[in-house]
Amino acid sequence: PIFALEQAGYKVDKLIITTLQAVSGAGYPGVPSLDMVDNIVPYILEDAQKAEIFLYVPRTPSLSIN
């Protein structure tokens, strides 16, 4: 989708990315709905490392599609 926007002449300066996970699949034991505040699952130590993402953006970004 980003490539299509750029091809159509729109400049993409920033991206805001949000990832969501259902409470039922968050690995949180017990009755999670009682511990949730503002629809946010509390910090789960075991899942923190799995969610870590490393991203490399080259100084001169380029995109080629074959």
N, C-alpha and C. Protein backbone atom coordinates (compact mmCIF):
# COMPACT_ATOMS: atom_id res chain seq x y z
N PRO A 1 0.80 -1.21 0.00
CA PRO A 1 0.00 0.00 0.00
C PRO A 1 0.84 1.27 0.00
N ILE A 2 1.98 1.28 0.69
CA ILE A 2 2.81 2.48 0.73
C ILE A 2 3.41 2.74 -0.65
N PHE A 3 3.85 1.69 -1.29
CA PHE A 3 4.41 1.83 -2.64
C PHE A 3 3.37 2.40 -3.59
N ALA A 4 2.13 1.94 -3.48
CA ALA A 4 1.06 2.43 -4.34
C ALA A 4 0.81 3.92 -4.10
N LEU A 5 0.87 4.36 -2.86
CA LEU A 5 0.69 5.79 -2.56
C LEU A 5 1.80 6.61 -3.20
N GLU A 6 3.04 6.13 -3.07
CA GLU A 6 4.15 6.86 -3.66
C GLU A 6 4.07 6.88 -5.18
N GLN A 7 3.65 5.79 -5.77
CA GLN A 7 3.48 5.73 -7.22
C GLN A 7 2.40 6.70 -7.69
N ALA A 8 1.40 6.95 -6.84
CA ALA A 8 0.32 7.86 -7.20
C ALA A 8 0.69 9.32 -6.96
N GLY A 9 1.92 9.56 -6.46
CA GLY A 9 2.38 10.93 -6.28
C GLY A 9 2.30 11.46 -4.87
N TYR A 10 1.89 10.63 -3.92
CA TYR A 10 1.83 11.06 -2.53
C TYR A 10 3.16 10.80 -1.85
N LYS A 11 3.66 11.78 -1.10
CA LYS A 11 4.91 11.61 -0.38
C LYS A 11 4.61 11.05 1.01
N VAL A 12 5.26 9.95 1.36
CA VAL A 12 5.07 9.34 2.68
C VAL A 12 6.25 9.72 3.54
N ASP A 13 6.03 10.61 4.53
CA ASP A 13 7.10 11.07 5.43
C ASP A 13 7.20 10.20 6.67
N LYS A 14 6.04 9.84 7.21
CA LYS A 14 6.01 9.13 8.49
C LYS A 14 5.02 7.99 8.42
N LEU A 15 5.29 6.98 9.22
CA LEU A 15 4.36 5.86 9.38
C LEU A 15 4.08 5.69 10.86
N ILE A 16 2.84 5.49 11.19
CA ILE A 16 2.46 5.14 12.55
C ILE A 16 1.90 3.73 12.49
N ILE A 17 2.57 2.82 13.18
CA ILE A 17 2.19 1.41 13.13
C ILE A 17 1.70 0.98 14.50
N THR A 18 0.56 0.35 14.53
CA THR A 18 -0.02 -0.15 15.77
C THR A 18 -0.28 -1.64 15.63
N THR A 19 0.12 -2.39 16.64
CA THR A 19 -0.19 -3.82 16.65
C THR A 19 -1.11 -4.10 17.82
N LEU A 20 -2.08 -4.95 17.61
CA LEU A 20 -3.06 -5.26 18.64
C LEU A 20 -3.16 -6.77 18.81
N GLN A 21 -3.48 -7.18 20.02
CA GLN A 21 -3.66 -8.60 20.29
C GLN A 21 -4.85 -8.77 21.23
N ALA A 22 -5.66 -9.76 20.96
CA ALA A 22 -6.82 -10.02 21.80
C ALA A 22 -6.38 -10.49 23.18
N VAL A 23 -7.15 -10.16 24.18
CA VAL A 23 -6.84 -10.58 25.55
C VAL A 23 -6.78 -12.09 25.63
N SER A 24 -7.65 -12.77 24.92
CA SER A 24 -7.71 -14.22 25.00
C SER A 24 -6.45 -14.89 24.48
N GLY A 25 -5.70 -14.22 23.63
CA GLY A 25 -4.49 -14.82 23.07
C GLY A 25 -3.22 -14.20 23.61
N ALA A 26 -3.32 -13.39 24.64
CA ALA A 26 -2.16 -12.66 25.14
C ALA A 26 -1.31 -13.47 26.12
N GLY A 27 -1.72 -14.68 26.45
CA GLY A 27 -0.95 -15.50 27.38
C GLY A 27 -1.07 -15.05 28.81
N TYR A 28 -2.09 -14.29 29.12
CA TYR A 28 -2.28 -13.79 30.47
C TYR A 28 -3.20 -14.73 31.23
N PRO A 29 -2.75 -15.29 32.37
CA PRO A 29 -3.57 -16.26 33.10
C PRO A 29 -4.69 -15.61 33.89
N GLY A 30 -5.65 -16.40 34.29
CA GLY A 30 -6.72 -15.91 35.14
C GLY A 30 -7.81 -15.23 34.35
N VAL A 31 -8.44 -14.27 34.99
CA VAL A 31 -9.52 -13.51 34.36
C VAL A 31 -8.95 -12.17 33.94
N PRO A 32 -8.43 -12.08 32.71
CA PRO A 32 -7.74 -10.87 32.28
C PRO A 32 -8.59 -9.62 32.29
N SER A 33 -9.88 -9.76 32.07
CA SER A 33 -10.71 -8.56 31.99
C SER A 33 -10.73 -7.80 33.31
N LEU A 34 -10.47 -8.47 34.43
CA LEU A 34 -10.45 -7.78 35.72
C LEU A 34 -9.20 -6.93 35.89
N ASP A 35 -8.12 -7.30 35.22
CA ASP A 35 -6.86 -6.57 35.35
C ASP A 35 -6.64 -5.55 34.25
N MET A 36 -7.49 -5.56 33.25
CA MET A 36 -7.31 -4.62 32.14
C MET A 36 -7.79 -3.23 32.53
N VAL A 37 -7.03 -2.22 32.13
CA VAL A 37 -7.40 -0.83 32.37
C VAL A 37 -7.37 -0.13 31.02
N ASP A 38 -8.45 0.52 30.66
CA ASP A 38 -8.54 1.23 29.37
C ASP A 38 -8.25 0.31 28.19
N ASN A 39 -8.69 -0.94 28.30
CA ASN A 39 -8.55 -1.93 27.24
C ASN A 39 -7.09 -2.24 26.91
N ILE A 40 -6.22 -2.16 27.91
CA ILE A 40 -4.79 -2.45 27.72
C ILE A 40 -4.41 -3.62 28.61
N VAL A 41 -3.77 -4.63 28.02
CA VAL A 41 -3.31 -5.79 28.78
C VAL A 41 -2.09 -5.38 29.60
N PRO A 42 -2.02 -5.75 30.88
CA PRO A 42 -0.85 -5.42 31.70
C PRO A 42 0.43 -6.02 31.12
N TYR A 43 1.55 -5.50 31.54
CA TYR A 43 2.87 -5.98 31.10
C TYR A 43 3.02 -7.46 31.42
N ILE A 44 3.41 -8.25 30.43
CA ILE A 44 3.60 -9.69 30.61
C ILE A 44 5.06 -9.98 30.30
N LEU A 45 5.84 -10.29 31.33
CA LEU A 45 7.29 -10.45 31.18
C LEU A 45 7.66 -11.46 30.10
N GLU A 46 7.01 -12.61 30.08
CA GLU A 46 7.38 -13.65 29.12
C GLU A 46 7.15 -13.22 27.67
N ASP A 47 6.19 -12.38 27.42
CA ASP A 47 5.88 -11.96 26.06
C ASP A 47 6.71 -10.77 25.60
N ALA A 48 7.33 -10.07 26.53
CA ALA A 48 8.05 -8.85 26.16
C ALA A 48 9.18 -9.14 25.18
N GLN A 49 9.94 -10.18 25.40
CA GLN A 49 11.06 -10.48 24.52
C GLN A 49 10.58 -10.94 23.14
N LYS A 50 9.48 -11.66 23.09
CA LYS A 50 8.97 -12.15 21.81
C LYS A 50 8.49 -11.00 20.93
N ALA A 51 8.07 -9.91 21.55
CA ALA A 51 7.50 -8.80 20.81
C ALA A 51 8.56 -7.82 20.29
N GLU A 52 9.81 -8.04 20.65
CA GLU A 52 10.87 -7.12 20.26
C GLU A 52 11.11 -7.21 18.75
N ILE A 53 11.18 -6.06 18.10
CA ILE A 53 11.35 -6.01 16.65
C ILE A 53 12.58 -5.15 16.34
N PHE A 54 13.43 -5.64 15.47
CA PHE A 54 14.59 -4.87 15.04
C PHE A 54 14.34 -4.39 13.62
N LEU A 55 14.59 -3.12 13.39
CA LEU A 55 14.32 -2.54 12.09
C LEU A 55 15.55 -1.79 11.62
N TYR A 56 15.94 -2.02 10.39
CA TYR A 56 17.05 -1.30 9.78
C TYR A 56 16.50 -0.50 8.61
N VAL A 57 16.75 0.79 8.63
CA VAL A 57 16.34 1.64 7.52
C VAL A 57 17.61 2.23 6.92
N PRO A 58 17.91 1.91 5.67
CA PRO A 58 19.12 2.44 5.06
C PRO A 58 19.05 3.97 4.94
N ARG A 59 20.20 4.59 4.91
CA ARG A 59 20.26 6.04 4.82
C ARG A 59 19.55 6.54 3.57
N THR A 60 19.71 5.84 2.47
CA THR A 60 19.03 6.18 1.23
C THR A 60 18.05 5.05 0.92
N PRO A 61 16.82 5.16 1.38
CA PRO A 61 15.86 4.08 1.15
C PRO A 61 15.56 3.90 -0.33
N SER A 62 15.44 2.67 -0.73
CA SER A 62 15.05 2.38 -2.11
C SER A 62 14.15 1.17 -2.11
N LEU A 63 13.34 1.07 -3.12
CA LEU A 63 12.39 -0.03 -3.22
C LEU A 63 12.35 -0.50 -4.65
N SER A 64 12.56 -1.78 -4.84
CA SER A 64 12.44 -2.32 -6.19
C SER A 64 11.53 -3.53 -6.15
N ILE A 65 10.62 -3.59 -7.08
CA ILE A 65 9.68 -4.70 -7.17
C ILE A 65 9.86 -5.35 -8.53
N ASN A 66 10.11 -6.63 -8.51
CA ASN A 66 10.31 -7.35 -9.77
C ASN A 66 9.06 -8.11 -10.14
